[in-house]
Full PDB file with SEQRES, HELIX, SHEET, SSBOND, CRYST1, ORIGX, SCALE, CONECT and MASTER records, all heavy atoms in Angstrom:
SEQRES   1 A   30  GLY VAL PRO GLY ARG VAL GLU LEU ARG ALA ARG MET THR          
SEQRES   2 A   30  ALA PHE SER LEU TYR VAL LEU PRO MET LEU ALA PHE VAL          
SEQRES   3 A   30  ALA VAL VAL LEU                                              
HELIX    1 AA1 GLY A    4  VAL A   29  1                                  26    
CRYST1    1.000    1.000    1.000  90.00  90.00  90.00 P 1           1          
ORIGX1      1.000000  0.000000  0.000000        0.00000                         
ORIGX2      0.000000  1.000000  0.000000        0.00000                         
ORIGX3      0.000000  0.000000  1.000000        0.00000                         
SCALE1      1.000000  0.000000  0.000000        0.00000                         
SCALE2      0.000000  1.000000  0.000000        0.00000                         
SCALE3      0.000000  0.000000  1.000000        0.00000                         
ATOM      1  N   GLY A   1       0.815  -1.212  -0.103  1.00  0.00           N  
ATOM      2  CA  GLY A   1       0.047   0.043   0.047  1.00  0.00           C  
ATOM      3  C   GLY A   1       0.867   1.348   0.030  1.00  0.00           C  
ATOM      4  O   GLY A   1       0.497   2.222   0.717  1.00  0.00           O  
ATOM      5  N   VAL A   2       1.888   1.347  -0.807  1.00  0.00           N  
ATOM      6  CA  VAL A   2       2.637   2.514  -0.760  1.00  0.00           C  
ATOM      7  C   VAL A   2       2.019   3.638  -1.498  1.00  0.00           C  
ATOM      8  O   VAL A   2       1.453   3.457  -2.621  1.00  0.00           O  
ATOM      9  CB  VAL A   2       4.060   2.263  -1.578  1.00  0.00           C  
ATOM     10  CG1 VAL A   2       4.897   3.483  -1.693  1.00  0.00           C  
ATOM     11  CG2 VAL A   2       4.859   1.011  -0.978  1.00  0.00           C  
ATOM     12  N   PRO A   3       1.962   4.693  -0.936  1.00  0.00           N  
ATOM     13  CA  PRO A   3       1.153   5.927  -1.638  1.00  0.00           C  
ATOM     14  C   PRO A   3       1.852   6.310  -2.837  1.00  0.00           C  
ATOM     15  O   PRO A   3       3.138   6.276  -2.989  1.00  0.00           O  
ATOM     16  CB  PRO A   3       1.396   6.959  -0.514  1.00  0.00           C  
ATOM     17  CG  PRO A   3       1.591   6.411   0.722  1.00  0.00           C  
ATOM     18  CD  PRO A   3       2.325   5.095   0.348  1.00  0.00           C  
ATOM     19  N   GLY A   4       1.079   6.788  -3.857  1.00  0.00           N  
ATOM     20  CA  GLY A   4       1.540   6.960  -5.150  1.00  0.00           C  
ATOM     21  C   GLY A   4       2.518   8.219  -5.182  1.00  0.00           C  
ATOM     22  O   GLY A   4       3.578   8.051  -5.919  1.00  0.00           O  
ATOM     23  N   ARG A   5       2.264   9.137  -4.323  1.00  0.00           N  
ATOM     24  CA  ARG A   5       3.184  10.269  -4.421  1.00  0.00           C  
ATOM     25  C   ARG A   5       4.588   9.985  -3.782  1.00  0.00           C  
ATOM     26  O   ARG A   5       5.642  10.424  -4.349  1.00  0.00           O  
ATOM     27  CB  ARG A   5       2.486  11.455  -3.653  1.00  0.00           C  
ATOM     28  CG  ARG A   5       1.200  11.962  -4.135  1.00  0.00           C  
ATOM     29  CD  ARG A   5       0.491  12.971  -3.146  1.00  0.00           C  
ATOM     30  NE  ARG A   5      -0.710  13.356  -3.609  1.00  0.00           N  
ATOM     31  CZ  ARG A   5      -1.706  14.093  -3.014  1.00  0.00           C  
ATOM     32  NH1 ARG A   5      -1.331  14.653  -1.854  1.00  0.00           N  
ATOM     33  NH2 ARG A   5      -2.816  14.297  -3.536  1.00  0.00           N  
ATOM     34  N   VAL A   6       4.516   9.101  -2.766  1.00  0.00           N  
ATOM     35  CA  VAL A   6       5.751   8.767  -2.184  1.00  0.00           C  
ATOM     36  C   VAL A   6       6.600   7.902  -3.162  1.00  0.00           C  
ATOM     37  O   VAL A   6       7.831   8.002  -3.265  1.00  0.00           O  
ATOM     38  CB  VAL A   6       5.510   7.972  -0.868  1.00  0.00           C  
ATOM     39  CG1 VAL A   6       6.949   7.469  -0.310  1.00  0.00           C  
ATOM     40  CG2 VAL A   6       4.823   8.864   0.202  1.00  0.00           C  
ATOM     41  N   GLU A   7       5.932   7.002  -3.748  1.00  0.00           N  
ATOM     42  CA  GLU A   7       6.667   6.051  -4.697  1.00  0.00           C  
ATOM     43  C   GLU A   7       7.183   6.883  -5.866  1.00  0.00           C  
ATOM     44  O   GLU A   7       8.508   6.676  -6.255  1.00  0.00           O  
ATOM     45  CB  GLU A   7       5.676   5.111  -5.343  1.00  0.00           C  
ATOM     46  CG  GLU A   7       6.363   4.166  -6.355  1.00  0.00           C  
ATOM     47  CD  GLU A   7       5.632   2.812  -6.326  1.00  0.00           C  
ATOM     48  OE1 GLU A   7       4.725   2.541  -5.605  1.00  0.00           O  
ATOM     49  OE2 GLU A   7       6.132   1.946  -7.194  1.00  0.00           O  
ATOM     50  N   LEU A   8       6.479   7.742  -6.426  1.00  0.00           N  
ATOM     51  CA  LEU A   8       6.954   8.502  -7.644  1.00  0.00           C  
ATOM     52  C   LEU A   8       8.094   9.464  -7.237  1.00  0.00           C  
ATOM     53  O   LEU A   8       9.087   9.603  -7.993  1.00  0.00           O  
ATOM     54  CB  LEU A   8       5.777   9.402  -8.184  1.00  0.00           C  
ATOM     55  CG  LEU A   8       4.737   8.460  -8.925  1.00  0.00           C  
ATOM     56  CD1 LEU A   8       3.745   9.457  -9.528  1.00  0.00           C  
ATOM     57  CD2 LEU A   8       5.427   7.670 -10.142  1.00  0.00           C  
ATOM     58  N   ARG A   9       8.043  10.110  -6.047  1.00  0.00           N  
ATOM     59  CA  ARG A   9       9.124  10.977  -5.596  1.00  0.00           C  
ATOM     60  C   ARG A   9      10.420  10.126  -5.347  1.00  0.00           C  
ATOM     61  O   ARG A   9      11.516  10.615  -5.708  1.00  0.00           O  
ATOM     62  CB  ARG A   9       8.738  11.656  -4.373  1.00  0.00           C  
ATOM     63  CG  ARG A   9       7.658  12.843  -4.583  1.00  0.00           C  
ATOM     64  CD  ARG A   9       7.748  13.916  -3.315  1.00  0.00           C  
ATOM     65  NE  ARG A   9       7.579  13.262  -2.056  1.00  0.00           N  
ATOM     66  CZ  ARG A   9       6.373  13.207  -1.624  1.00  0.00           C  
ATOM     67  NH1 ARG A   9       5.319  13.659  -2.198  1.00  0.00           N  
ATOM     68  NH2 ARG A   9       6.244  12.592  -0.470  1.00  0.00           N  
ATOM     69  N   ALA A  10      10.294   8.995  -4.736  1.00  0.00           N  
ATOM     70  CA  ALA A  10      11.364   8.016  -4.478  1.00  0.00           C  
ATOM     71  C   ALA A  10      11.962   7.694  -5.812  1.00  0.00           C  
ATOM     72  O   ALA A  10      13.279   7.581  -5.818  1.00  0.00           O  
ATOM     73  CB  ALA A  10      10.907   6.850  -3.649  1.00  0.00           C  
ATOM     74  N   ARG A  11      11.220   7.244  -6.868  1.00  0.00           N  
ATOM     75  CA  ARG A  11      11.767   6.810  -8.020  1.00  0.00           C  
ATOM     76  C   ARG A  11      12.425   7.986  -8.733  1.00  0.00           C  
ATOM     77  O   ARG A  11      13.605   7.727  -9.398  1.00  0.00           O  
ATOM     78  CB  ARG A  11      10.683   6.260  -8.919  1.00  0.00           C  
ATOM     79  CG  ARG A  11      10.030   4.992  -8.531  1.00  0.00           C  
ATOM     80  CD  ARG A  11       8.890   4.535  -9.387  1.00  0.00           C  
ATOM     81  NE  ARG A  11       8.385   3.306  -8.944  1.00  0.00           N  
ATOM     82  CZ  ARG A  11       8.701   2.042  -9.379  1.00  0.00           C  
ATOM     83  NH1 ARG A  11       9.655   2.050 -10.359  1.00  0.00           N  
ATOM     84  NH2 ARG A  11       8.173   0.962  -8.985  1.00  0.00           N  
ATOM     85  N   MET A  12      11.874   9.209  -8.759  1.00  0.00           N  
ATOM     86  CA  MET A  12      12.557  10.397  -9.382  1.00  0.00           C  
ATOM     87  C   MET A  12      13.967  10.579  -8.623  1.00  0.00           C  
ATOM     88  O   MET A  12      14.983  10.840  -9.289  1.00  0.00           O  
ATOM     89  CB  MET A  12      11.685  11.628  -9.139  1.00  0.00           C  
ATOM     90  CG  MET A  12      10.421  11.632 -10.009  1.00  0.00           C  
ATOM     91  SD  MET A  12       9.497  13.130  -9.741  1.00  0.00           S  
ATOM     92  CE  MET A  12       8.126  12.847 -10.764  1.00  0.00           C  
ATOM     93  N   THR A  13      13.901  10.530  -7.319  1.00  0.00           N  
ATOM     94  CA  THR A  13      15.089  10.786  -6.571  1.00  0.00           C  
ATOM     95  C   THR A  13      16.263   9.806  -6.847  1.00  0.00           C  
ATOM     96  O   THR A  13      17.446  10.104  -7.111  1.00  0.00           O  
ATOM     97  CB  THR A  13      14.882  10.779  -5.084  1.00  0.00           C  
ATOM     98  OG1 THR A  13      13.874  11.720  -4.804  1.00  0.00           O  
ATOM     99  CG2 THR A  13      16.079  11.190  -4.225  1.00  0.00           C  
ATOM    100  N   ALA A  14      15.863   8.483  -6.963  1.00  0.00           N  
ATOM    101  CA  ALA A  14      16.861   7.393  -7.185  1.00  0.00           C  
ATOM    102  C   ALA A  14      17.417   7.658  -8.565  1.00  0.00           C  
ATOM    103  O   ALA A  14      18.627   7.493  -8.809  1.00  0.00           O  
ATOM    104  CB  ALA A  14      16.240   6.129  -6.909  1.00  0.00           C  
ATOM    105  N   PHE A  15      16.614   7.945  -9.607  1.00  0.00           N  
ATOM    106  CA  PHE A  15      17.112   7.950 -10.882  1.00  0.00           C  
ATOM    107  C   PHE A  15      17.946   9.323 -11.046  1.00  0.00           C  
ATOM    108  O   PHE A  15      18.902   9.243 -11.725  1.00  0.00           O  
ATOM    109  CB  PHE A  15      15.812   8.218 -11.807  1.00  0.00           C  
ATOM    110  CG  PHE A  15      16.151   8.244 -13.275  1.00  0.00           C  
ATOM    111  CD1 PHE A  15      16.773   7.374 -13.969  1.00  0.00           C  
ATOM    112  CD2 PHE A  15      15.695   9.444 -13.941  1.00  0.00           C  
ATOM    113  CE1 PHE A  15      17.065   7.465 -15.372  1.00  0.00           C  
ATOM    114  CE2 PHE A  15      16.082   9.593 -15.288  1.00  0.00           C  
ATOM    115  CZ  PHE A  15      16.759   8.586 -15.931  1.00  0.00           C  
ATOM    116  N   SER A  16      17.554  10.272 -10.369  1.00  0.00           N  
ATOM    117  CA  SER A  16      18.448  11.652 -10.441  1.00  0.00           C  
ATOM    118  C   SER A  16      19.761  11.449  -9.754  1.00  0.00           C  
ATOM    119  O   SER A  16      20.572  12.157 -10.079  1.00  0.00           O  
ATOM    120  CB  SER A  16      17.570  12.707  -9.755  1.00  0.00           C  
ATOM    121  OG  SER A  16      16.317  12.836 -10.364  1.00  0.00           O  
ATOM    122  N   LEU A  17      19.896  10.430  -8.910  1.00  0.00           N  
ATOM    123  CA  LEU A  17      21.230  10.282  -8.291  1.00  0.00           C  
ATOM    124  C   LEU A  17      22.251   9.976  -9.273  1.00  0.00           C  
ATOM    125  O   LEU A  17      23.448  10.265  -9.201  1.00  0.00           O  
ATOM    126  CB  LEU A  17      21.101   9.076  -7.250  1.00  0.00           C  
ATOM    127  CG  LEU A  17      20.271   9.457  -5.974  1.00  0.00           C  
ATOM    128  CD1 LEU A  17      20.272   8.246  -4.941  1.00  0.00           C  
ATOM    129  CD2 LEU A  17      20.868  10.643  -5.240  1.00  0.00           C  
ATOM    130  N   TYR A  18      21.794   9.401 -10.398  1.00  0.00           N  
ATOM    131  CA  TYR A  18      22.789   8.923 -11.423  1.00  0.00           C  
ATOM    132  C   TYR A  18      22.827   9.958 -12.599  1.00  0.00           C  
ATOM    133  O   TYR A  18      23.759  10.169 -13.229  1.00  0.00           O  
ATOM    134  CB  TYR A  18      22.385   7.573 -12.103  1.00  0.00           C  
ATOM    135  CG  TYR A  18      22.577   6.534 -10.869  1.00  0.00           C  
ATOM    136  CD1 TYR A  18      21.469   5.943 -10.302  1.00  0.00           C  
ATOM    137  CD2 TYR A  18      23.872   6.047 -10.516  1.00  0.00           C  
ATOM    138  CE1 TYR A  18      21.519   4.912  -9.449  1.00  0.00           C  
ATOM    139  CE2 TYR A  18      24.046   5.022  -9.701  1.00  0.00           C  
ATOM    140  CZ  TYR A  18      22.855   4.408  -8.994  1.00  0.00           C  
ATOM    141  OH  TYR A  18      23.019   3.483  -8.081  1.00  0.00           O  
ATOM    142  N   VAL A  19      21.607  10.557 -12.938  1.00  0.00           N  
ATOM    143  CA  VAL A  19      21.409  11.340 -14.231  1.00  0.00           C  
ATOM    144  C   VAL A  19      21.955  12.868 -13.797  1.00  0.00           C  
ATOM    145  O   VAL A  19      22.661  13.378 -14.674  1.00  0.00           O  
ATOM    146  CB  VAL A  19      19.958  11.379 -14.521  1.00  0.00           C  
ATOM    147  CG1 VAL A  19      19.771  12.392 -15.740  1.00  0.00           C  
ATOM    148  CG2 VAL A  19      19.543  10.072 -14.869  1.00  0.00           C  
ATOM    149  N   LEU A  20      21.720  13.438 -12.644  1.00  0.00           N  
ATOM    150  CA  LEU A  20      22.093  14.743 -12.386  1.00  0.00           C  
ATOM    151  C   LEU A  20      23.705  14.978 -12.570  1.00  0.00           C  
ATOM    152  O   LEU A  20      23.992  15.965 -13.021  1.00  0.00           O  
ATOM    153  CB  LEU A  20      21.602  15.213 -11.057  1.00  0.00           C  
ATOM    154  CG  LEU A  20      19.992  15.496 -10.837  1.00  0.00           C  
ATOM    155  CD1 LEU A  20      19.569  15.880  -9.600  1.00  0.00           C  
ATOM    156  CD2 LEU A  20      19.675  16.532 -12.064  1.00  0.00           C  
ATOM    157  N   PRO A  21      24.450  14.039 -11.927  1.00  0.00           N  
ATOM    158  CA  PRO A  21      25.913  14.242 -12.224  1.00  0.00           C  
ATOM    159  C   PRO A  21      26.291  14.189 -13.554  1.00  0.00           C  
ATOM    160  O   PRO A  21      27.097  14.977 -14.112  1.00  0.00           O  
ATOM    161  CB  PRO A  21      26.536  13.015 -11.417  1.00  0.00           C  
ATOM    162  CG  PRO A  21      25.502  12.763 -10.339  1.00  0.00           C  
ATOM    163  CD  PRO A  21      24.200  13.024 -10.927  1.00  0.00           C  
ATOM    164  N   MET A  22      25.603  13.485 -14.538  1.00  0.00           N  
ATOM    165  CA  MET A  22      25.920  13.499 -15.897  1.00  0.00           C  
ATOM    166  C   MET A  22      25.554  14.633 -16.576  1.00  0.00           C  
ATOM    167  O   MET A  22      26.256  15.087 -17.441  1.00  0.00           O  
ATOM    168  CB  MET A  22      25.230  12.215 -16.511  1.00  0.00           C  
ATOM    169  CG  MET A  22      25.779  10.857 -16.121  1.00  0.00           C  
ATOM    170  SD  MET A  22      25.181   9.482 -17.165  1.00  0.00           S  
ATOM    171  CE  MET A  22      23.410   9.334 -16.692  1.00  0.00           C  
ATOM    172  N   LEU A  23      24.374  15.194 -16.188  1.00  0.00           N  
ATOM    173  CA  LEU A  23      23.921  16.384 -16.750  1.00  0.00           C  
ATOM    174  C   LEU A  23      24.848  17.582 -16.313  1.00  0.00           C  
ATOM    175  O   LEU A  23      25.035  18.468 -17.167  1.00  0.00           O  
ATOM    176  CB  LEU A  23      22.530  16.635 -16.322  1.00  0.00           C  
ATOM    177  CG  LEU A  23      21.415  15.732 -16.732  1.00  0.00           C  
ATOM    178  CD1 LEU A  23      20.080  16.239 -16.361  1.00  0.00           C  
ATOM    179  CD2 LEU A  23      21.424  15.533 -18.322  1.00  0.00           C  
ATOM    180  N   ALA A  24      25.258  17.605 -15.149  1.00  0.00           N  
ATOM    181  CA  ALA A  24      26.234  18.650 -14.613  1.00  0.00           C  
ATOM    182  C   ALA A  24      27.542  18.561 -15.537  1.00  0.00           C  
ATOM    183  O   ALA A  24      28.179  19.553 -15.966  1.00  0.00           O  
ATOM    184  CB  ALA A  24      26.529  18.492 -13.258  1.00  0.00           C  
ATOM    185  N   PHE A  25      27.962  17.277 -15.818  1.00  0.00           N  
ATOM    186  CA  PHE A  25      29.160  17.106 -16.609  1.00  0.00           C  
ATOM    187  C   PHE A  25      28.944  17.670 -17.893  1.00  0.00           C  
ATOM    188  O   PHE A  25      29.861  18.237 -18.507  1.00  0.00           O  
ATOM    189  CB  PHE A  25      29.564  15.556 -16.549  1.00  0.00           C  
ATOM    190  CG  PHE A  25      30.698  15.329 -17.460  1.00  0.00           C  
ATOM    191  CD1 PHE A  25      32.044  15.615 -16.919  1.00  0.00           C  
ATOM    192  CD2 PHE A  25      30.576  14.728 -18.595  1.00  0.00           C  
ATOM    193  CE1 PHE A  25      33.179  15.227 -17.695  1.00  0.00           C  
ATOM    194  CE2 PHE A  25      31.673  14.482 -19.370  1.00  0.00           C  
ATOM    195  CZ  PHE A  25      33.010  14.673 -18.907  1.00  0.00           C  
ATOM    196  N   VAL A  26      27.812  17.415 -18.490  1.00  0.00           N  
ATOM    197  CA  VAL A  26      27.429  17.890 -19.894  1.00  0.00           C  
ATOM    198  C   VAL A  26      27.585  19.349 -19.967  1.00  0.00           C  
ATOM    199  O   VAL A  26      28.066  20.012 -20.948  1.00  0.00           O  
ATOM    200  CB  VAL A  26      26.144  17.351 -20.370  1.00  0.00           C  
ATOM    201  CG1 VAL A  26      25.696  18.006 -21.628  1.00  0.00           C  
ATOM    202  CG2 VAL A  26      26.221  15.852 -20.491  1.00  0.00           C  
ATOM    203  N   ALA A  27      27.007  20.011 -18.891  1.00  0.00           N  
ATOM    204  CA  ALA A  27      26.827  21.554 -18.858  1.00  0.00           C  
ATOM    205  C   ALA A  27      28.270  22.087 -18.758  1.00  0.00           C  
ATOM    206  O   ALA A  27      28.612  23.056 -19.556  1.00  0.00           O  
ATOM    207  CB  ALA A  27      26.042  21.992 -17.673  1.00  0.00           C  
ATOM    208  N   VAL A  28      29.146  21.516 -17.955  1.00  0.00           N  
ATOM    209  CA  VAL A  28      30.531  22.104 -17.766  1.00  0.00           C  
ATOM    210  C   VAL A  28      31.283  21.899 -19.056  1.00  0.00           C  
ATOM    211  O   VAL A  28      31.936  22.735 -19.525  1.00  0.00           O  
ATOM    212  CB  VAL A  28      31.117  21.396 -16.556  1.00  0.00           C  
ATOM    213  CG1 VAL A  28      32.589  21.850 -16.474  1.00  0.00           C  
ATOM    214  CG2 VAL A  28      30.370  21.859 -15.247  1.00  0.00           C  
ATOM    215  N   VAL A  29      31.274  20.607 -19.654  1.00  0.00           N  
ATOM    216  CA  VAL A  29      32.159  20.277 -20.787  1.00  0.00           C  
ATOM    217  C   VAL A  29      31.608  21.222 -21.960  1.00  0.00           C  
ATOM    218  O   VAL A  29      32.528  21.665 -22.723  1.00  0.00           O  
ATOM    219  CB  VAL A  29      31.919  18.833 -21.111  1.00  0.00           C  
ATOM    220  CG1 VAL A  29      32.528  18.424 -22.547  1.00  0.00           C  
ATOM    221  CG2 VAL A  29      32.587  17.991 -20.103  1.00  0.00           C  
ATOM    222  N   LEU A  30      30.334  21.436 -22.205  1.00  0.00           N  
ATOM    223  CA  LEU A  30      29.857  22.162 -23.348  1.00  0.00           C  
ATOM    224  C   LEU A  30      30.390  23.557 -23.222  1.00  0.00           C  
ATOM    225  O   LEU A  30      30.723  24.226 -24.203  1.00  0.00           O  
ATOM    226  CB  LEU A  30      28.413  22.008 -23.477  1.00  0.00           C  
ATOM    227  CG  LEU A  30      27.814  22.845 -24.586  1.00  0.00           C  
ATOM    228  CD1 LEU A  30      28.365  22.436 -26.003  1.00  0.00           C  
ATOM    229  CD2 LEU A  30      26.294  22.703 -24.570  1.00  0.00           C  
TER     230      LEU A  30                                                      
MASTER        0    0    0    1    0    0    0    6  229    1    0    3          
END                                                                             
């Protein structure tokens, strides 16, 4: 019975742990 808002926020956070550093690298390199 995991609330939908909690689940989606958790999934966004976990995914962003890997993606945000890559996006920061792209911004600096470009």
